[in-house]
N, C-alpha and C. Protein backbone atom coordinates (compact mmCIF):
# COMPACT_ATOMS: atom_id res chain seq x y z
N MET A 1 -2.01 -33.66 -8.44
CA MET A 1 -1.41 -32.89 -8.58
C MET A 1 -1.85 -31.31 -9.24
N ASN A 2 -2.89 -31.29 -10.06
CA ASN A 2 -3.30 -30.00 -10.52
C ASN A 2 -4.05 -29.59 -9.47
N ALA A 3 -4.78 -30.13 -8.68
CA ALA A 3 -5.56 -29.45 -7.50
C ALA A 3 -4.75 -28.86 -6.51
N ARG A 4 -3.39 -29.60 -6.21
CA ARG A 4 -2.48 -28.92 -5.41
C ARG A 4 -1.83 -27.59 -6.01
N LEU A 5 -1.69 -27.35 -7.30
CA LEU A 5 -0.87 -26.40 -8.03
C LEU A 5 -2.52 -25.09 -7.90
N LEU A 6 -3.40 -25.69 -8.06
CA LEU A 6 -4.67 -24.84 -7.95
C LEU A 6 -4.76 -24.16 -6.44
N VAL A 7 -4.55 -24.99 -5.17
CA VAL A 7 -4.63 -24.64 -3.99
C VAL A 7 -3.26 -23.75 -3.72
N ALA A 8 -2.40 -23.65 -4.13
CA ALA A 8 -1.00 -23.13 -3.97
C ALA A 8 -1.13 -21.80 -4.75
N ALA A 9 -1.71 -21.62 -6.05
CA ALA A 9 -1.81 -20.46 -6.43
C ALA A 9 -3.05 -19.64 -5.85
N ALA A 10 -4.15 -20.18 -5.23
CA ALA A 10 -5.23 -19.56 -4.84
C ALA A 10 -4.53 -18.97 -3.47
N LEU A 11 -3.90 -19.71 -2.71
CA LEU A 11 -3.31 -19.05 -1.49
C LEU A 11 -2.12 -18.04 -1.79
N THR A 12 -1.46 -18.22 -2.97
CA THR A 12 -0.49 -17.01 -2.87
C THR A 12 -1.27 -15.63 -3.31
N LEU A 13 -2.28 -15.92 -4.26
CA LEU A 13 -3.32 -14.69 -4.71
C LEU A 13 -3.75 -14.28 -3.32
N ALA A 14 -3.85 -15.18 -2.06
CA ALA A 14 -4.75 -14.54 -0.92
C ALA A 14 -3.54 -13.83 -0.13
N LEU A 15 -2.46 -14.16 -0.24
CA LEU A 15 -1.10 -13.69 0.14
C LEU A 15 -0.90 -12.19 0.00
N SER A 16 -0.93 -12.11 -1.49
CA SER A 16 -0.62 -10.92 -2.09
C SER A 16 -1.96 -10.13 -1.69
N ALA A 17 -2.93 -10.67 -1.45
CA ALA A 17 -4.34 -9.44 -1.28
C ALA A 17 -4.09 -8.64 0.15
N CYS A 18 -3.13 -9.35 0.98
CA CYS A 18 -2.96 -9.01 2.15
C CYS A 18 -1.84 -7.72 2.31
N ALA A 19 -1.16 -7.89 1.34
CA ALA A 19 -0.05 -6.65 1.41
C ALA A 19 -0.72 -5.50 1.15
N THR A 20 -0.31 -4.23 2.18
CA THR A 20 -0.79 -2.89 2.20
C THR A 20 -0.09 -1.90 1.61
N GLY A 21 -1.00 -1.04 0.90
CA GLY A 21 -0.64 -0.21 0.38
C GLY A 21 -0.27 1.13 0.97
N PRO A 22 -0.12 2.05 0.48
CA PRO A 22 0.10 3.49 1.02
C PRO A 22 -1.01 3.60 2.00
N GLY A 23 -0.62 4.36 3.17
CA GLY A 23 -1.93 4.76 3.57
C GLY A 23 -3.04 5.80 3.56
N TYR A 24 -4.47 5.51 3.63
CA TYR A 24 -5.06 6.33 3.09
C TYR A 24 -6.08 6.96 4.35
N TYR A 25 -6.36 8.51 3.99
CA TYR A 25 -7.30 9.18 5.46
C TYR A 25 -8.54 9.21 4.59
N GLY A 26 -9.61 9.41 5.43
CA GLY A 26 -10.78 10.15 5.04
C GLY A 26 -11.75 9.50 3.84
N PRO A 27 -12.52 10.02 3.86
CA PRO A 27 -13.45 9.74 2.80
C PRO A 27 -13.25 9.38 1.41
N GLY A 28 -12.06 10.00 0.98
CA GLY A 28 -11.94 9.82 -0.31
C GLY A 28 -10.47 8.93 -0.60
N PRO A 29 -10.26 8.64 -1.79
CA PRO A 29 -9.45 7.62 -2.10
C PRO A 29 -7.87 8.55 -2.01
N GLY A 30 -7.19 8.19 -0.84
CA GLY A 30 -5.74 8.60 -0.74
C GLY A 30 -5.81 9.85 -0.39
N TYR A 31 -6.55 10.62 0.47
CA TYR A 31 -6.45 12.15 0.99
C TYR A 31 -7.35 12.49 1.65
N TYR A 32 -7.01 13.23 2.44
CA TYR A 32 -8.09 14.00 3.25
C TYR A 32 -7.84 15.67 3.46
N GLY A 33 -8.75 16.54 3.68
CA GLY A 33 -8.35 17.85 3.56
C GLY A 33 -7.81 18.60 4.74
N TYR A 34 -7.19 19.37 4.98
CA TYR A 34 -6.60 19.89 5.85
C TYR A 34 -6.69 21.89 5.56
N GLY A 35 -6.54 22.33 6.87
CA GLY A 35 -6.83 23.74 6.78
C GLY A 35 -8.42 24.09 6.61
N PRO A 36 -8.54 25.33 6.53
CA PRO A 36 -10.01 25.85 6.69
C PRO A 36 -10.55 25.46 5.26
N PRO A 37 -11.51 25.41 5.08
CA PRO A 37 -12.49 24.93 3.77
C PRO A 37 -12.47 25.93 2.90
N PRO A 38 -12.24 25.77 1.50
CA PRO A 38 -12.21 26.81 0.48
C PRO A 38 -13.40 27.53 0.66
N PRO A 39 -13.19 29.01 0.01
CA PRO A 39 -14.50 29.74 -0.18
C PRO A 39 -15.04 29.04 -1.55
N PRO A 40 -16.65 29.35 -1.44
CA PRO A 40 -17.49 28.93 -2.76
C PRO A 40 -16.84 29.72 -3.88
N PRO A 41 -16.94 29.09 -4.82
CA PRO A 41 -16.45 29.63 -5.98
C PRO A 41 -17.61 31.06 -6.51
N ALA A 42 -16.80 31.67 -7.26
CA ALA A 42 -17.56 32.93 -7.60
C ALA A 42 -18.62 32.37 -8.90
N PRO A 43 -19.75 33.15 -9.10
CA PRO A 43 -20.32 32.65 -10.24
C PRO A 43 -19.52 32.38 -11.30
N GLY A 44 -20.10 31.61 -11.96
CA GLY A 44 -19.14 31.39 -13.50
C GLY A 44 -17.70 31.22 -13.45
N ALA A 45 -17.31 30.96 -12.23
CA ALA A 45 -15.78 30.96 -12.00
C ALA A 45 -15.09 29.29 -12.33
N TYR A 46 -14.40 29.13 -12.84
CA TYR A 46 -13.99 27.24 -12.88
C TYR A 46 -12.32 27.15 -12.72
N SER A 47 -11.81 26.36 -12.23
CA SER A 47 -10.70 25.97 -12.13
C SER A 47 -9.96 25.19 -13.37
N ARG A 48 -8.89 25.89 -13.52
CA ARG A 48 -8.34 25.15 -15.12
C ARG A 48 -8.01 23.66 -15.15
N CYS A 49 -8.11 22.93 -13.94
CA CYS A 49 -7.94 21.71 -13.95
C CYS A 49 -8.42 20.76 -12.30
N PRO A 50 -9.48 20.26 -12.54
CA PRO A 50 -10.09 19.92 -11.28
C PRO A 50 -9.17 18.97 -10.32
N THR A 51 -8.14 18.31 -10.96
CA THR A 51 -7.45 17.40 -10.27
C THR A 51 -5.94 18.04 -10.42
N CYS A 52 -5.81 19.42 -10.45
CA CYS A 52 -4.38 19.77 -10.32
C CYS A 52 -4.22 20.88 -9.22
N GLY A 53 -2.46 21.14 -8.62
CA GLY A 53 -2.63 21.66 -7.54
C GLY A 53 -1.10 21.96 -7.35
N HIS A 54 -0.83 22.64 -6.21
CA HIS A 54 0.46 22.80 -6.18
C HIS A 54 0.76 22.11 -4.64
N VAL A 55 1.89 22.00 -4.58
CA VAL A 55 2.45 20.76 -3.50
C VAL A 55 2.87 22.05 -2.35
N ASP A 56 2.41 22.19 -1.18
CA ASP A 56 2.65 23.10 -0.24
C ASP A 56 3.91 22.22 0.59
N ARG A 57 4.24 21.22 1.14
CA ARG A 57 4.95 20.62 1.50
C ARG A 57 5.12 19.04 1.32
N VAL A 58 6.23 18.52 1.64
CA VAL A 58 6.44 17.16 1.54
C VAL A 58 7.08 16.50 2.83
N GLU A 59 6.12 15.59 3.60
CA GLU A 59 7.07 14.99 4.86
C GLU A 59 7.11 13.70 4.87
N GLN A 60 8.48 13.14 5.27
CA GLN A 60 8.35 11.87 5.22
C GLN A 60 7.96 11.37 6.61
N VAL A 61 7.18 10.11 6.51
CA VAL A 61 6.51 9.80 7.53
C VAL A 61 7.21 8.37 7.61
N THR A 62 7.76 7.77 9.04
CA THR A 62 8.28 6.75 9.13
C THR A 62 7.40 5.39 9.63
N GLY A 63 7.39 4.32 9.36
CA GLY A 63 6.39 3.17 9.21
C GLY A 63 6.86 2.40 10.71
N ASN A 64 6.16 1.59 10.72
CA ASN A 64 5.71 0.91 12.12
C ASN A 64 6.06 -0.58 11.71
N PRO A 65 7.33 -0.91 12.21
CA PRO A 65 7.61 -2.40 11.68
C PRO A 65 6.73 -3.47 12.59
N GLN A 66 5.58 -3.38 13.04
CA GLN A 66 4.86 -4.27 14.05
C GLN A 66 4.09 -5.24 13.00
N THR A 67 3.79 -6.07 13.52
CA THR A 67 3.07 -7.36 12.81
C THR A 67 1.68 -7.53 13.66
N ASP A 68 0.58 -8.03 12.90
CA ASP A 68 -0.64 -8.64 13.46
C ASP A 68 -0.48 -10.07 13.50
N GLY A 69 0.38 -10.58 12.58
CA GLY A 69 0.41 -12.21 12.59
C GLY A 69 -0.39 -12.50 11.61
N SER A 70 -1.02 -12.02 10.68
CA SER A 70 -1.89 -12.58 9.53
C SER A 70 -0.50 -12.78 8.77
N GLY A 71 0.47 -12.12 8.32
CA GLY A 71 1.57 -12.81 7.41
C GLY A 71 2.57 -13.89 7.62
N ALA A 72 2.33 -14.20 8.97
CA ALA A 72 2.79 -15.58 9.22
C ALA A 72 1.96 -16.59 9.15
N VAL A 73 0.96 -16.47 9.47
CA VAL A 73 -0.57 -17.50 9.57
C VAL A 73 -0.53 -17.86 7.28
N ILE A 74 -0.64 -16.74 6.68
CA ILE A 74 -0.88 -16.57 5.45
C ILE A 74 0.42 -17.46 5.14
N GLY A 75 1.49 -16.88 5.45
CA GLY A 75 3.26 -17.81 4.69
C GLY A 75 2.96 -18.91 5.15
N GLY A 76 2.60 -19.53 6.45
CA GLY A 76 2.72 -20.76 7.18
C GLY A 76 1.66 -21.67 6.36
N ILE A 77 0.35 -21.19 6.07
CA ILE A 77 -0.38 -21.87 5.00
C ILE A 77 0.27 -22.25 3.76
N ILE A 78 0.70 -21.11 2.98
CA ILE A 78 1.45 -21.41 1.50
C ILE A 78 2.67 -22.40 1.88
N GLY A 79 3.43 -22.24 2.94
CA GLY A 79 4.73 -23.14 2.97
C GLY A 79 4.47 -24.51 3.06
N GLY A 80 3.37 -24.61 3.90
CA GLY A 80 2.67 -26.17 4.12
C GLY A 80 2.42 -26.78 3.00
N VAL A 81 1.48 -26.03 2.46
CA VAL A 81 0.87 -26.79 1.09
C VAL A 81 2.09 -26.70 0.11
N LEU A 82 2.93 -25.76 -0.04
CA LEU A 82 3.87 -26.23 -0.79
C LEU A 82 5.06 -27.21 -0.36
N GLY A 83 5.24 -27.59 0.84
CA GLY A 83 5.87 -28.38 1.39
C GLY A 83 4.80 -29.84 1.31
N ASN A 84 3.91 -29.79 1.34
CA ASN A 84 3.16 -31.22 1.18
C ASN A 84 3.56 -31.51 -0.23
N THR A 85 3.58 -30.80 -1.18
CA THR A 85 3.19 -31.26 -2.41
C THR A 85 4.55 -31.64 -2.71
N ILE A 86 5.93 -31.02 -2.18
CA ILE A 86 7.40 -31.69 -2.66
C ILE A 86 7.47 -33.04 -1.95
N GLY A 87 7.30 -33.29 -0.53
CA GLY A 87 7.25 -34.44 -0.02
C GLY A 87 6.72 -35.61 -0.45
N ARG A 88 7.54 -36.76 -0.37
CA ARG A 88 6.87 -38.01 -0.89
C ARG A 88 7.03 -38.97 0.41
N GLY A 89 5.90 -40.11 0.40
CA GLY A 89 5.88 -41.15 1.46
C GLY A 89 6.21 -40.25 2.79
N SER A 90 6.88 -41.01 3.85
CA SER A 90 7.20 -40.45 5.18
C SER A 90 7.73 -38.95 5.26
N GLY A 91 8.44 -38.99 4.32
CA GLY A 91 9.20 -37.60 4.06
C GLY A 91 8.25 -36.34 3.83
N ARG A 92 7.12 -36.71 3.52
CA ARG A 92 5.94 -35.59 3.32
C ARG A 92 5.35 -34.88 4.79
N ALA A 93 5.53 -35.82 5.71
CA ALA A 93 5.09 -34.93 6.75
C ALA A 93 6.38 -33.83 7.29
N ALA A 94 7.55 -34.09 7.22
CA ALA A 94 8.49 -33.63 7.54
C ALA A 94 8.61 -32.55 6.28
N ALA A 95 8.41 -32.35 5.37
CA ALA A 95 8.41 -31.56 4.22
C ALA A 95 7.27 -30.49 4.59
N THR A 96 6.25 -30.85 4.63
CA THR A 96 4.80 -30.10 5.38
C THR A 96 5.48 -29.25 6.48
N ALA A 97 6.24 -29.86 7.60
CA ALA A 97 6.45 -28.82 8.66
C ALA A 97 7.46 -27.96 8.49
N VAL A 98 8.42 -28.02 7.89
CA VAL A 98 9.43 -27.35 7.45
C VAL A 98 9.08 -26.26 6.42
N GLY A 99 8.00 -26.71 5.67
CA GLY A 99 7.33 -25.63 4.97
C GLY A 99 6.49 -24.66 5.77
N VAL A 100 5.58 -25.16 6.78
CA VAL A 100 4.76 -24.33 7.46
C VAL A 100 5.91 -23.61 8.37
N VAL A 101 7.06 -24.01 8.84
CA VAL A 101 7.83 -23.17 9.84
C VAL A 101 8.31 -22.05 8.82
N GLY A 102 9.01 -22.47 7.82
CA GLY A 102 9.83 -21.36 7.05
C GLY A 102 8.54 -20.39 6.48
N GLY A 103 7.44 -20.94 5.90
CA GLY A 103 6.53 -19.76 5.38
C GLY A 103 5.91 -18.75 6.18
N ALA A 104 5.92 -19.48 7.70
CA ALA A 104 5.40 -18.38 8.68
C ALA A 104 6.70 -17.52 8.76
N VAL A 105 7.83 -18.05 8.99
CA VAL A 105 8.89 -16.59 9.15
C VAL A 105 9.16 -15.79 7.88
N VAL A 106 9.07 -16.45 6.60
CA VAL A 106 9.09 -15.51 5.74
C VAL A 106 7.66 -14.70 5.60
N GLY A 107 6.56 -15.16 5.58
CA GLY A 107 5.25 -14.41 5.99
C GLY A 107 5.76 -13.17 7.07
N ASP A 108 6.06 -13.24 8.27
CA ASP A 108 6.22 -12.24 9.34
C ASP A 108 6.76 -11.46 8.74
N GLN A 109 8.28 -11.63 8.03
CA GLN A 109 9.20 -10.65 7.68
C GLN A 109 8.97 -10.10 6.62
N VAL A 110 8.21 -10.50 5.73
CA VAL A 110 7.59 -9.50 4.62
C VAL A 110 6.77 -8.81 5.08
N GLN A 111 5.58 -8.92 5.98
CA GLN A 111 5.05 -8.10 6.71
C GLN A 111 5.63 -6.80 7.34
N LYS A 112 6.65 -7.57 8.22
CA LYS A 112 7.47 -6.25 9.00
C LYS A 112 7.88 -5.45 8.05
N ASP A 113 8.69 -5.86 6.89
CA ASP A 113 9.37 -4.82 6.09
C ASP A 113 8.40 -4.03 5.40
N ASN A 114 7.25 -4.60 4.74
CA ASN A 114 5.92 -3.82 4.55
C ASN A 114 5.38 -2.66 4.92
N ASN A 115 5.48 -3.01 6.49
CA ASN A 115 5.02 -1.91 7.25
C ASN A 115 6.18 -1.10 7.87
N ALA A 116 7.35 -1.51 7.70
CA ALA A 116 8.25 -0.20 8.19
C ALA A 116 8.70 0.63 7.11
N ALA A 117 8.38 0.53 5.62
CA ALA A 117 8.47 1.35 4.57
C ALA A 117 8.25 2.68 5.01
N PRO A 118 9.06 3.80 4.62
CA PRO A 118 8.71 4.81 4.77
C PRO A 118 7.52 5.36 3.96
N SER A 119 6.90 6.21 4.04
CA SER A 119 6.14 6.91 3.26
C SER A 119 6.31 8.63 3.54
N PHE A 120 5.49 9.24 2.49
CA PHE A 120 5.72 11.07 2.32
C PHE A 120 3.98 11.26 2.26
N ASP A 121 3.70 12.21 3.45
CA ASP A 121 2.48 12.78 3.16
C ASP A 121 2.78 14.03 2.16
N ILE A 122 2.05 14.20 1.43
CA ILE A 122 2.37 15.37 0.55
C ILE A 122 1.24 16.22 0.26
N TYR A 123 1.31 17.33 0.67
CA TYR A 123 0.29 18.48 0.78
C TYR A 123 0.15 19.37 -0.22
N VAL A 124 -1.23 19.42 -0.71
CA VAL A 124 -1.49 20.11 -1.98
C VAL A 124 -2.63 20.90 -1.87
N ARG A 125 -2.11 22.31 -2.46
CA ARG A 125 -3.42 23.27 -2.63
C ARG A 125 -3.73 22.89 -4.15
N MET A 126 -5.05 22.54 -4.49
CA MET A 126 -5.75 22.27 -5.27
C MET A 126 -6.04 23.57 -5.99
N ASP A 127 -6.21 23.78 -7.49
CA ASP A 127 -6.61 24.62 -8.02
C ASP A 127 -7.71 25.37 -7.75
N ASP A 128 -8.70 24.77 -7.21
CA ASP A 128 -10.04 25.18 -6.89
C ASP A 128 -9.79 25.66 -5.39
N GLY A 129 -8.69 25.42 -4.72
CA GLY A 129 -8.90 26.09 -3.59
C GLY A 129 -8.82 25.23 -2.21
N ARG A 130 -9.14 23.66 -2.45
CA ARG A 130 -9.20 22.72 -1.78
C ARG A 130 -7.60 22.53 -1.38
N ARG A 131 -7.36 22.22 -0.16
CA ARG A 131 -6.18 21.67 0.59
C ARG A 131 -6.31 20.23 0.83
N LEU A 132 -5.77 19.25 0.22
CA LEU A 132 -5.57 18.00 0.61
C LEU A 132 -4.44 17.43 0.94
N ILE A 133 -4.22 16.22 1.64
CA ILE A 133 -2.92 15.56 2.00
C ILE A 133 -3.21 14.22 1.31
N PHE A 134 -2.04 13.71 0.56
CA PHE A 134 -1.69 12.75 0.10
C PHE A 134 -0.87 11.71 0.59
N ASN A 135 -0.90 10.48 0.73
CA ASN A 135 -0.02 9.44 1.36
C ASN A 135 0.21 8.46 0.45
N GLN A 136 1.69 8.42 0.26
CA GLN A 136 2.06 7.67 -0.98
C GLN A 136 3.69 7.10 -0.62
N ARG A 137 4.05 6.15 -1.14
CA ARG A 137 5.52 5.90 -0.91
C ARG A 137 6.67 6.40 -1.64
N ASP A 138 6.53 6.83 -2.75
CA ASP A 138 7.28 7.51 -3.79
C ASP A 138 7.05 9.15 -3.90
N ALA A 139 8.07 9.71 -3.71
CA ALA A 139 7.91 11.46 -3.79
C ALA A 139 9.02 11.68 -4.20
N SER A 140 9.75 11.02 -5.26
CA SER A 140 10.83 11.45 -6.01
C SER A 140 10.28 12.62 -7.16
N GLY A 141 10.75 13.83 -7.19
CA GLY A 141 10.60 14.83 -7.81
C GLY A 141 9.63 15.91 -7.25
N LEU A 142 8.89 15.67 -6.02
CA LEU A 142 8.08 16.46 -5.79
C LEU A 142 8.62 16.84 -4.61
N GLN A 143 8.57 18.57 -4.83
CA GLN A 143 8.67 19.55 -3.72
C GLN A 143 8.12 20.64 -3.88
N GLN A 144 8.22 21.49 -2.65
CA GLN A 144 7.57 22.62 -2.62
C GLN A 144 7.38 23.80 -3.61
N GLY A 145 6.10 23.69 -4.04
CA GLY A 145 5.77 24.74 -5.50
C GLY A 145 5.90 23.85 -6.45
N SER A 146 5.90 22.49 -6.51
CA SER A 146 5.65 21.80 -7.75
C SER A 146 4.06 21.78 -8.52
N TYR A 147 4.18 21.65 -9.58
CA TYR A 147 2.60 21.57 -10.39
C TYR A 147 2.33 20.05 -10.34
N VAL A 148 1.37 19.64 -9.72
CA VAL A 148 1.23 18.09 -10.00
C VAL A 148 -0.56 18.03 -10.09
N THR A 149 -0.87 16.71 -10.65
CA THR A 149 -1.89 16.51 -10.87
C THR A 149 -2.33 14.86 -9.73
N THR A 150 -3.48 15.02 -9.36
CA THR A 150 -3.90 14.15 -8.19
C THR A 150 -4.58 13.35 -8.98
N GLU A 151 -4.63 12.10 -9.49
CA GLU A 151 -5.10 10.78 -10.04
C GLU A 151 -4.98 9.66 -9.29
N ASP A 152 -6.14 8.87 -9.16
CA ASP A 152 -6.44 7.53 -8.61
C ASP A 152 -5.80 7.49 -7.40
N GLY A 153 -5.66 8.86 -6.33
CA GLY A 153 -5.34 8.91 -5.12
C GLY A 153 -3.80 8.88 -4.73
N THR A 154 -3.35 9.42 -5.92
CA THR A 154 -1.57 9.71 -6.01
C THR A 154 -1.61 10.88 -6.50
N VAL A 155 -0.41 11.44 -6.61
CA VAL A 155 0.32 12.84 -6.32
C VAL A 155 1.17 12.45 -7.84
N ARG A 156 1.30 13.16 -8.99
CA ARG A 156 2.27 12.88 -9.77
C ARG A 156 2.67 14.55 -10.59
N LEU A 157 3.77 14.41 -10.64
CA LEU A 157 4.43 15.99 -11.21
C LEU A 157 3.82 16.19 -12.71
N ILE A 158 3.69 17.31 -12.68
CA ILE A 158 3.24 17.75 -14.26
C ILE A 158 4.24 18.34 -15.07
N ARG A 159 4.87 19.41 -14.05
CA ARG A 159 6.14 20.23 -14.69
C ARG A 159 7.00 20.43 -13.77
């Protein structure tokens, strides 16, 4: 029984690793540059905060509810393992089959819902002159002119 529980836990972790986060562009975590490159800083000049800037604009981006089938496959595997642990005797095969089908349907729907969720492109003019775009699921409180910090690939309101 412990081996089955361990397999179910491992498959659950594998499924959670397939969840996609906000879209990221370019070489850096969560952003890419736009507009002309900033001029080089004057000798001795510095920005007051290397991760701070002002929001130029916020645009909502609609998601694409397409799936590639990986959610259904992983859901089917997890459902099959769980169904196999529930069933006894001759009912084990039926419970496994129901688990596979049910898990595949649920896994596919979870992937569709995750892909279809809207996100926001947040255009930020950094204090040092760089212009960056961040994509994240939540833009509450962010609007044009907001002063923000950009840490770990996300934009957060400072004031």
